[in-house]
């Protein structure tokens, strides 16, 4: 799967983003592994709802963090591609 600006990302079935009370942190729970995203990754993952395009996520975060939209989009695509390669993220266009 290739993630690009028009991708519509969501967590794959069986993967959950949830707050882990004992750790006091948000975690991505996947079969036999737990990922602990940093604040920026968490901001992206919370927007991976299966309805919002990467380009819209980038626009919102660029505005929120007062950062160049193109750079934000590039970083988001890179992060989501890595998560897609690990089986964490799916693109709803790829059904």
PDB file of N, CA and C in Angstrom:
ATOM      1  N   UNK A   1       0.833  -1.162   0.000  1.00  0.00           N
ATOM      2  CA  UNK A   1       0.000   0.000   0.000  1.00  0.00           C
ATOM      3  C   UNK A   1       0.891   1.242   0.000  1.00  0.00           C
ATOM      4  N   UNK A   2       0.478   2.228  -0.763  1.00  0.00           N
ATOM      5  CA  UNK A   2       1.248   3.469  -0.850  1.00  0.00           C
ATOM      6  C   UNK A   2       0.415   4.623  -0.281  1.00  0.00           C
ATOM      7  N   UNK A   3       0.896   5.226   0.775  1.00  0.00           N
ATOM      8  CA  UNK A   3       0.220   6.363   1.393  1.00  0.00           C
ATOM      9  C   UNK A   3       0.674   7.635   0.677  1.00  0.00           C
ATOM     10  N   UNK A   4      -0.305   8.447   0.283  1.00  0.00           N
ATOM     11  CA  UNK A   4      -0.008   9.739  -0.324  1.00  0.00           C
ATOM     12  C   UNK A   4      -0.978  10.776   0.251  1.00  0.00           C
ATOM     13  N   UNK A   5      -0.942  11.988  -0.281  1.00  0.00           N
ATOM     14  CA  UNK A   5      -1.760  13.071   0.261  1.00  0.00           C
ATOM     15  C   UNK A   5      -3.253  12.807   0.141  1.00  0.00           C
ATOM     16  N   UNK A   6      -3.657  11.998  -0.830  1.00  0.00           N
ATOM     17  CA  UNK A   6      -5.080  11.722  -1.000  1.00  0.00           C
ATOM     18  C   UNK A   6      -5.551  10.484  -0.226  1.00  0.00           C
ATOM     19  N   UNK A   7      -4.648   9.831   0.479  1.00  0.00           N
ATOM     20  CA  UNK A   7      -5.011   8.650   1.271  1.00  0.00           C
ATOM     21  C   UNK A   7      -6.004   9.041   2.370  1.00  0.00           C
ATOM     22  N   UNK A   8      -6.845   8.077   2.727  1.00  0.00           N
ATOM     23  CA  UNK A   8      -7.817   8.259   3.806  1.00  0.00           C
ATOM     24  C   UNK A   8      -7.487   7.197   4.859  1.00  0.00           C
ATOM     25  N   UNK A   9      -6.597   7.537   5.801  1.00  0.00           N
ATOM     26  CA  UNK A   9      -6.095   6.524   6.731  1.00  0.00           C
ATOM     27  C   UNK A   9      -7.044   6.204   7.888  1.00  0.00           C
ATOM     28  N   UNK A  10      -6.930   4.985   8.341  1.00  0.00           N
ATOM     29  CA  UNK A  10      -7.621   4.520   9.548  1.00  0.00           C
ATOM     30  C   UNK A  10      -6.765   3.422  10.162  1.00  0.00           C
ATOM     31  N   UNK A  11      -6.995   3.173  11.433  1.00  0.00           N
ATOM     32  CA  UNK A  11      -6.322   2.044  12.073  1.00  0.00           C
ATOM     33  C   UNK A  11      -6.925   0.766  11.515  1.00  0.00           C
ATOM     34  N   UNK A  12      -6.083  -0.226  11.274  1.00  0.00           N
ATOM     35  CA  UNK A  12      -6.578  -1.512  10.774  1.00  0.00           C
ATOM     36  C   UNK A  12      -7.441  -2.190  11.836  1.00  0.00           C
ATOM     37  N   UNK A  13      -8.249  -3.098  11.388  1.00  0.00           N
ATOM     38  CA  UNK A  13      -9.095  -3.877  12.285  1.00  0.00           C
ATOM     39  C   UNK A  13      -8.221  -4.583  13.327  1.00  0.00           C
ATOM     40  N   UNK A  14      -8.624  -4.526  14.571  1.00  0.00           N
ATOM     41  CA  UNK A  14      -7.868  -5.164  15.644  1.00  0.00           C
ATOM     42  C   UNK A  14      -6.801  -4.280  16.259  1.00  0.00           C
ATOM     43  N   UNK A  15      -6.632  -3.062  15.728  1.00  0.00           N
ATOM     44  CA  UNK A  15      -5.654  -2.104  16.256  1.00  0.00           C
ATOM     45  C   UNK A  15      -6.437  -1.006  16.970  1.00  0.00           C
ATOM     46  N   UNK A  16      -5.975  -0.638  18.164  1.00  0.00           N
ATOM     47  CA  UNK A  16      -6.690   0.390  18.921  1.00  0.00           C
ATOM     48  C   UNK A  16      -5.749   1.476  19.407  1.00  0.00           C
ATOM     49  N   UNK A  17      -6.260   2.696  19.366  1.00  0.00           N
ATOM     50  CA  UNK A  17      -5.597   3.830  19.982  1.00  0.00           C
ATOM     51  C   UNK A  17      -6.379   4.117  21.246  1.00  0.00           C
ATOM     52  N   UNK A  18      -5.700   3.997  22.389  1.00  0.00           N
ATOM     53  CA  UNK A  18      -6.407   4.235  23.648  1.00  0.00           C
ATOM     54  C   UNK A  18      -5.457   4.761  24.705  1.00  0.00           C
ATOM     55  N   UNK A  19      -6.056   5.410  25.701  1.00  0.00           N
ATOM     56  CA  UNK A  19      -5.264   5.929  26.800  1.00  0.00           C
ATOM     57  C   UNK A  19      -4.996   4.798  27.776  1.00  0.00           C
ATOM     58  N   UNK A  20      -3.731   4.571  28.094  1.00  0.00           N
ATOM     59  CA  UNK A  20      -3.327   3.529  29.024  1.00  0.00           C
ATOM     60  C   UNK A  20      -3.145   4.165  30.396  1.00  0.00           C
ATOM     61  N   UNK A  21      -4.082   3.930  31.267  1.00  0.00           N
ATOM     62  CA  UNK A  21      -4.085   4.555  32.591  1.00  0.00           C
ATOM     63  C   UNK A  21      -2.828   4.253  33.404  1.00  0.00           C
ATOM     64  N   UNK A  22      -2.398   2.995  33.505  1.00  0.00           N
ATOM     65  CA  UNK A  22      -1.193   2.722  34.305  1.00  0.00           C
ATOM     66  C   UNK A  22       0.060   3.453  33.802  1.00  0.00           C
ATOM     67  N   UNK A  23       0.182   3.596  32.484  1.00  0.00           N
ATOM     68  CA  UNK A  23       1.341   4.286  31.915  1.00  0.00           C
ATOM     69  C   UNK A  23       1.145   5.800  31.862  1.00  0.00           C
ATOM     70  N   UNK A  24      -0.119   6.221  31.917  1.00  0.00           N
ATOM     71  CA  UNK A  24      -0.417   7.640  31.807  1.00  0.00           C
ATOM     72  C   UNK A  24      -0.136   8.188  30.423  1.00  0.00           C
ATOM     73  N   UNK A  25      -0.259   7.313  29.410  1.00  0.00           N
ATOM     74  CA  UNK A  25       0.064   7.700  28.033  1.00  0.00           C
ATOM     75  C   UNK A  25      -0.923   7.062  27.059  1.00  0.00           C
ATOM     76  N   UNK A  26      -1.030   7.687  25.889  1.00  0.00           N
ATOM     77  CA  UNK A  26      -1.769   7.085  24.790  1.00  0.00           C
ATOM     78  C   UNK A  26      -0.897   6.006  24.165  1.00  0.00           C
ATOM     79  N   UNK A  27      -1.520   4.904  23.788  1.00  0.00           N
ATOM     80  CA  UNK A  27      -0.795   3.808  23.145  1.00  0.00           C
ATOM     81  C   UNK A  27      -1.595   3.289  21.955  1.00  0.00           C
ATOM     82  N   UNK A  28      -0.862   2.723  21.029  1.00  0.00           N
ATOM     83  CA  UNK A  28      -1.468   1.990  19.925  1.00  0.00           C
ATOM     84  C   UNK A  28      -1.277   0.526  20.266  1.00  0.00           C
ATOM     85  N   UNK A  29      -2.392  -0.170  20.462  1.00  0.00           N
ATOM     86  CA  UNK A  29      -2.318  -1.591  20.796  1.00  0.00           C
ATOM     87  C   UNK A  29      -2.573  -2.414  19.548  1.00  0.00           C
ATOM     88  N   UNK A  30      -1.612  -3.248  19.235  1.00  0.00           N
ATOM     89  CA  UNK A  30      -1.697  -4.152  18.101  1.00  0.00           C
ATOM     90  C   UNK A  30      -1.399  -5.552  18.632  1.00  0.00           C
ATOM     91  N   UNK A  31      -1.774  -6.564  17.870  1.00  0.00           N
ATOM     92  CA  UNK A  31      -1.468  -7.919  18.339  1.00  0.00           C
ATOM     93  C   UNK A  31       0.018  -8.078  18.687  1.00  0.00           C
ATOM     94  N   UNK A  32       0.268  -8.442  19.914  1.00  0.00           N
ATOM     95  CA  UNK A  32       1.606  -8.737  20.441  1.00  0.00           C
ATOM     96  C   UNK A  32       2.578  -7.563  20.398  1.00  0.00           C
ATOM     97  N   UNK A  33       2.063  -6.329  20.338  1.00  0.00           N
ATOM     98  CA  UNK A  33       2.946  -5.164  20.423  1.00  0.00           C
ATOM     99  C   UNK A  33       2.153  -3.937  20.856  1.00  0.00           C
ATOM    100  N   UNK A  34       2.880  -3.019  21.449  1.00  0.00           N
ATOM    101  CA  UNK A  34       2.316  -1.750  21.885  1.00  0.00           C
ATOM    102  C   UNK A  34       3.251  -0.653  21.398  1.00  0.00           C
ATOM    103  N   UNK A  35       2.690   0.356  20.745  1.00  0.00           N
ATOM    104  CA  UNK A  35       3.464   1.506  20.296  1.00  0.00           C
ATOM    105  C   UNK A  35       3.063   2.711  21.138  1.00  0.00           C
ATOM    106  N   UNK A  36       4.039   3.518  21.514  1.00  0.00           N
ATOM    107  CA  UNK A  36       3.760   4.719  22.299  1.00  0.00           C
ATOM    108  C   UNK A  36       4.101   5.950  21.461  1.00  0.00           C
ATOM    109  N   UNK A  37       3.079   6.513  20.798  1.00  0.00           N
ATOM    110  CA  UNK A  37       3.337   7.660  19.929  1.00  0.00           C
ATOM    111  C   UNK A  37       3.689   8.915  20.721  1.00  0.00           C
ATOM    112  N   UNK A  38       4.537   9.763  20.113  1.00  0.00           N
ATOM    113  CA  UNK A  38       4.812  11.058  20.736  1.00  0.00           C
ATOM    114  C   UNK A  38       3.605  11.971  20.475  1.00  0.00           C
ATOM    115  N   UNK A  39       3.661  13.194  20.967  1.00  0.00           N
ATOM    116  CA  UNK A  39       2.518  14.102  20.872  1.00  0.00           C
ATOM    117  C   UNK A  39       2.113  14.411  19.432  1.00  0.00           C
ATOM    118  N   UNK A  40       3.084  14.592  18.566  1.00  0.00           N
ATOM    119  CA  UNK A  40       2.777  14.902  17.171  1.00  0.00           C
ATOM    120  C   UNK A  40       2.157  13.689  16.480  1.00  0.00           C
ATOM    121  N   UNK A  41       2.743  12.510  16.670  1.00  0.00           N
ATOM    122  CA  UNK A  41       2.184  11.290  16.081  1.00  0.00           C
ATOM    123  C   UNK A  41       0.772  11.052  16.601  1.00  0.00           C
ATOM    124  N   UNK A  42       0.545  11.328  17.872  1.00  0.00           N
ATOM    125  CA  UNK A  42      -0.781  11.168  18.457  1.00  0.00           C
ATOM    126  C   UNK A  42      -1.776  12.108  17.791  1.00  0.00           C
ATOM    127  N   UNK A  43      -1.371  13.346  17.539  1.00  0.00           N
ATOM    128  CA  UNK A  43      -2.250  14.308  16.869  1.00  0.00           C
ATOM    129  C   UNK A  43      -2.654  13.795  15.490  1.00  0.00           C
ATOM    130  N   UNK A  44      -1.739  13.134  14.796  1.00  0.00           N
ATOM    131  CA  UNK A  44      -2.041  12.555  13.482  1.00  0.00           C
ATOM    132  C   UNK A  44      -2.962  11.346  13.649  1.00  0.00           C
ATOM    133  N   UNK A  45      -2.598  10.441  14.531  1.00  0.00           N
ATOM    134  CA  UNK A  45      -3.363   9.205  14.701  1.00  0.00           C
ATOM    135  C   UNK A  45      -4.804   9.463  15.134  1.00  0.00           C
ATOM    136  N   UNK A  46      -5.023  10.470  15.955  1.00  0.00           N
ATOM    137  CA  UNK A  46      -6.389  10.798  16.384  1.00  0.00           C
ATOM    138  C   UNK A  46      -7.249  11.251  15.211  1.00  0.00           C
ATOM    139  N   UNK A  47      -6.615  11.693  14.134  1.00  0.00           N
ATOM    140  CA  UNK A  47      -7.349  12.149  12.955  1.00  0.00           C
ATOM    141  C   UNK A  47      -7.487  11.062  11.888  1.00  0.00           C
ATOM    142  N   UNK A  48      -6.917   9.909  12.123  1.00  0.00           N
ATOM    143  CA  UNK A  48      -7.013   8.793  11.172  1.00  0.00           C
ATOM    144  C   UNK A  48      -8.329   8.061  11.415  1.00  0.00           C
ATOM    145  N   UNK A  49      -9.410   8.663  10.934  1.00  0.00           N
ATOM    146  CA  UNK A  49     -10.753   8.181  11.226  1.00  0.00           C
ATOM    147  C   UNK A  49     -11.416   7.450  10.067  1.00  0.00           C
ATOM    148  N   UNK A  50     -10.694   7.271   8.965  1.00  0.00           N
ATOM    149  CA  UNK A  50     -11.277   6.607   7.816  1.00  0.00           C
ATOM    150  C   UNK A  50     -12.163   7.520   6.986  1.00  0.00           C
ATOM    151  N   UNK A  51     -12.190   8.806   7.320  1.00  0.00           N
ATOM    152  CA  UNK A  51     -12.996   9.778   6.581  1.00  0.00           C
ATOM    153  C   UNK A  51     -12.188  10.985   6.127  1.00  0.00           C
ATOM    154  N   UNK A  52     -11.068  11.257   6.795  1.00  0.00           N
ATOM    155  CA  UNK A  52     -10.286  12.456   6.546  1.00  0.00           C
ATOM    156  C   UNK A  52      -9.049  12.126   5.716  1.00  0.00           C
ATOM    157  N   UNK A  53      -8.843  12.876   4.658  1.00  0.00           N
ATOM    158  CA  UNK A  53      -7.667  12.682   3.796  1.00  0.00           C
ATOM    159  C   UNK A  53      -6.406  13.205   4.487  1.00  0.00           C
ATOM    160  N   UNK A  54      -5.282  12.650   4.127  1.00  0.00           N
ATOM    161  CA  UNK A  54      -3.990  13.086   4.656  1.00  0.00           C
ATOM    162  C   UNK A  54      -3.810  14.581   4.429  1.00  0.00           C
ATOM    163  N   UNK A  55      -4.179  15.075   3.260  1.00  0.00           N
ATOM    164  CA  UNK A  55      -3.999  16.494   2.961  1.00  0.00           C
ATOM    165  C   UNK A  55      -4.788  17.377   3.930  1.00  0.00           C
ATOM    166  N   UNK A  56      -5.950  16.941   4.366  1.00  0.00           N
ATOM    167  CA  UNK A  56      -6.751  17.699   5.330  1.00  0.00           C
ATOM    168  C   UNK A  56      -6.130  17.628   6.728  1.00  0.00           C
ATOM    169  N   UNK A  57      -5.597  16.465   7.076  1.00  0.00           N
ATOM    170  CA  UNK A  57      -4.903  16.327   8.359  1.00  0.00           C
ATOM    171  C   UNK A  57      -3.701  17.264   8.388  1.00  0.00           C
ATOM    172  N   UNK A  58      -2.952  17.287   7.294  1.00  0.00           N
ATOM    173  CA  UNK A  58      -1.766  18.149   7.203  1.00  0.00           C
ATOM    174  C   UNK A  58      -2.150  19.620   7.320  1.00  0.00           C
ATOM    175  N   UNK A  59      -3.209  20.003   6.658  1.00  0.00           N
ATOM    176  CA  UNK A  59      -3.650  21.399   6.705  1.00  0.00           C
ATOM    177  C   UNK A  59      -4.018  21.802   8.133  1.00  0.00           C
ATOM    178  N   UNK A  60      -4.767  20.952   8.820  1.00  0.00           N
ATOM    179  CA  UNK A  60      -5.177  21.255  10.197  1.00  0.00           C
ATOM    180  C   UNK A  60      -3.982  21.346  11.136  1.00  0.00           C
ATOM    181  N   UNK A  61      -3.043  20.421  11.005  1.00  0.00           N
ATOM    182  CA  UNK A  61      -1.885  20.428  11.900  1.00  0.00           C
ATOM    183  C   UNK A  61      -0.907  21.548  11.563  1.00  0.00           C
ATOM    184  N   UNK A  62      -0.784  21.882  10.291  1.00  0.00           N
ATOM    185  CA  UNK A  62       0.082  23.006   9.907  1.00  0.00           C
ATOM    186  C   UNK A  62      -0.444  24.299  10.521  1.00  0.00           C
ATOM    187  N   UNK A  63      -1.750  24.441  10.504  1.00  0.00           N
ATOM    188  CA  UNK A  63      -2.361  25.628  11.108  1.00  0.00           C
ATOM    189  C   UNK A  63      -2.193  25.613  12.630  1.00  0.00           C
ATOM    190  N   UNK A  64      -2.456  24.461  13.238  1.00  0.00           N
ATOM    191  CA  UNK A  64      -2.349  24.341  14.696  1.00  0.00           C
ATOM    192  C   UNK A  64      -0.933  24.637  15.198  1.00  0.00           C
ATOM    193  N   UNK A  65       0.073  24.128  14.494  1.00  0.00           N
ATOM    194  CA  UNK A  65       1.464  24.274  14.933  1.00  0.00           C
ATOM    195  C   UNK A  65       2.217  25.390  14.197  1.00  0.00           C
ATOM    196  N   UNK A  66       1.478  26.157  13.374  1.00  0.00           N
ATOM    197  CA  UNK A  66       2.080  27.267  12.638  1.00  0.00           C
ATOM    198  C   UNK A  66       3.339  26.811  11.889  1.00  0.00           C
ATOM    199  N   UNK A  67       3.163  25.763  11.110  1.00  0.00           N
ATOM    200  CA  UNK A  67       4.286  25.147  10.376  1.00  0.00           C
ATOM    201  C   UNK A  67       3.955  25.118   8.878  1.00  0.00           C
ATOM    202  N   UNK A  68       4.970  25.009   8.032  1.00  0.00           N
ATOM    203  CA  UNK A  68       4.724  24.932   6.590  1.00  0.00           C
ATOM    204  C   UNK A  68       3.925  23.681   6.226  1.00  0.00           C
ATOM    205  N   UNK A  69       2.824  23.879   5.520  1.00  0.00           N
ATOM    206  CA  UNK A  69       1.930  22.778   5.188  1.00  0.00           C
ATOM    207  C   UNK A  69       2.636  21.663   4.411  1.00  0.00           C
ATOM    208  N   UNK A  70       3.457  22.016   3.461  1.00  0.00           N
ATOM    209  CA  UNK A  70       4.146  21.004   2.648  1.00  0.00           C
ATOM    210  C   UNK A  70       5.056  20.122   3.501  1.00  0.00           C
ATOM    211  N   UNK A  71       5.760  20.726   4.439  1.00  0.00           N
ATOM    212  CA  UNK A  71       6.651  19.963   5.324  1.00  0.00           C
ATOM    213  C   UNK A  71       5.839  19.052   6.241  1.00  0.00           C
ATOM    214  N   UNK A  72       4.737  19.573   6.764  1.00  0.00           N
ATOM    215  CA  UNK A  72       3.874  18.775   7.645  1.00  0.00           C
ATOM    216  C   UNK A  72       3.312  17.588   6.872  1.00  0.00           C
ATOM    217  N   UNK A  73       2.822  17.838   5.658  1.00  0.00           N
ATOM    218  CA  UNK A  73       2.261  16.759   4.843  1.00  0.00           C
ATOM    219  C   UNK A  73       3.308  15.689   4.546  1.00  0.00           C
ATOM    220  N   UNK A  74       4.509  16.110   4.219  1.00  0.00           N
ATOM    221  CA  UNK A  74       5.599  15.165   3.934  1.00  0.00           C
ATOM    222  C   UNK A  74       5.889  14.291   5.156  1.00  0.00           C
ATOM    223  N   UNK A  75       5.951  14.910   6.331  1.00  0.00           N
ATOM    224  CA  UNK A  75       6.210  14.157   7.568  1.00  0.00           C
ATOM    225  C   UNK A  75       5.077  13.189   7.877  1.00  0.00           C
ATOM    226  N   UNK A  76       3.838  13.624   7.661  1.00  0.00           N
ATOM    227  CA  UNK A  76       2.683  12.756   7.925  1.00  0.00           C
ATOM    228  C   UNK A  76       2.690  11.558   6.978  1.00  0.00           C
ATOM    229  N   UNK A  77       2.926  11.814   5.703  1.00  0.00           N
ATOM    230  CA  UNK A  77       2.964  10.716   4.721  1.00  0.00           C
ATOM    231  C   UNK A  77       4.044   9.715   5.104  1.00  0.00           C
ATOM    232  N   UNK A  78       5.214  10.211   5.473  1.00  0.00           N
ATOM    233  CA  UNK A  78       6.318   9.320   5.862  1.00  0.00           C
ATOM    234  C   UNK A  78       5.947   8.480   7.082  1.00  0.00           C
ATOM    235  N   UNK A  79       5.366   9.119   8.096  1.00  0.00           N
ATOM    236  CA  UNK A  79       4.981   8.399   9.310  1.00  0.00           C
ATOM    237  C   UNK A  79       3.913   7.347   9.016  1.00  0.00           C
ATOM    238  N   UNK A  80       2.876   7.747   8.277  1.00  0.00           N
ATOM    239  CA  UNK A  80       1.788   6.816   7.990  1.00  0.00           C
ATOM    240  C   UNK A  80       2.238   5.679   7.071  1.00  0.00           C
ATOM    241  N   UNK A  81       3.161   5.956   6.167  1.00  0.00           N
ATOM    242  CA  UNK A  81       3.684   4.879   5.314  1.00  0.00           C
ATOM    243  C   UNK A  81       4.423   3.851   6.166  1.00  0.00           C
ATOM    244  N   UNK A  82       5.200   4.334   7.124  1.00  0.00           N
ATOM    245  CA  UNK A  82       5.910   3.429   8.033  1.00  0.00           C
ATOM    246  C   UNK A  82       4.904   2.577   8.812  1.00  0.00           C
ATOM    247  N   UNK A  83       3.835   3.193   9.305  1.00  0.00           N
ATOM    248  CA  UNK A  83       2.816   2.445  10.055  1.00  0.00           C
ATOM    249  C   UNK A  83       2.045   1.494   9.141  1.00  0.00           C
ATOM    250  N   UNK A  84       1.829   1.882   7.899  1.00  0.00           N
ATOM    251  CA  UNK A  84       1.165   0.985   6.942  1.00  0.00           C
ATOM    252  C   UNK A  84       2.040  -0.224   6.663  1.00  0.00           C
ATOM    253  N   UNK A  85       3.344   0.009   6.512  1.00  0.00           N
ATOM    254  CA  UNK A  85       4.283  -1.091   6.280  1.00  0.00           C
ATOM    255  C   UNK A  85       4.314  -2.065   7.454  1.00  0.00           C
ATOM    256  N   UNK A  86       4.030  -1.558   8.653  1.00  0.00           N
ATOM    257  CA  UNK A  86       4.015  -2.396   9.862  1.00  0.00           C
ATOM    258  C   UNK A  86       2.637  -3.018  10.118  1.00  0.00           C
ATOM    259  N   UNK A  87       1.674  -2.737   9.235  1.00  0.00           N
ATOM    260  CA  UNK A  87       0.341  -3.329   9.389  1.00  0.00           C
ATOM    261  C   UNK A  87      -0.542  -2.626  10.396  1.00  0.00           C
ATOM    262  N   UNK A  88      -0.261  -1.369  10.702  1.00  0.00           N
ATOM    263  CA  UNK A  88      -1.030  -0.616  11.695  1.00  0.00           C
ATOM    264  C   UNK A  88      -2.104   0.241  11.033  1.00  0.00           C
ATOM    265  N   UNK A  89      -1.774   0.828   9.894  1.00  0.00           N
ATOM    266  CA  UNK A  89      -2.646   1.774   9.207  1.00  0.00           C
ATOM    267  C   UNK A  89      -3.125   1.165   7.883  1.00  0.00           C
ATOM    268  N   UNK A  90      -4.385   1.450   7.544  1.00  0.00           N
ATOM    269  CA  UNK A  90      -4.935   1.076   6.246  1.00  0.00           C
ATOM    270  C   UNK A  90      -5.465   2.335   5.573  1.00  0.00           C
ATOM    271  N   UNK A  91      -5.564   2.295   4.272  1.00  0.00           N
ATOM    272  CA  UNK A  91      -6.154   3.364   3.487  1.00  0.00           C
ATOM    273  C   UNK A  91      -7.522   2.866   3.038  1.00  0.00           C
ATOM    274  N   UNK A  92      -8.587   3.561   3.407  1.00  0.00           N
ATOM    275  CA  UNK A  92      -9.921   3.069   3.075  1.00  0.00           C
ATOM    276  C   UNK A  92     -10.178   3.014   1.573  1.00  0.00           C
ATOM    277  N   UNK A  93      -9.370   3.696   0.787  1.00  0.00           N
ATOM    278  CA  UNK A  93      -9.502   3.617  -0.679  1.00  0.00           C
ATOM    279  C   UNK A  93      -9.091   2.257  -1.200  1.00  0.00           C
ATOM    280  N   UNK A  94      -8.343   1.484  -0.415  1.00  0.00           N
ATOM    281  CA  UNK A  94      -7.780   0.194  -0.849  1.00  0.00           C
ATOM    282  C   UNK A  94      -8.683  -0.989  -0.509  1.00  0.00           C
ATOM    283  N   UNK A  95      -9.943  -0.791  -0.427  1.00  0.00           N
ATOM    284  CA  UNK A  95     -10.846  -1.885  -0.045  1.00  0.00           C
ATOM    285  C   UNK A  95     -11.001  -2.906  -1.098  1.00  0.00           C
TER     286      UNK A  95
END
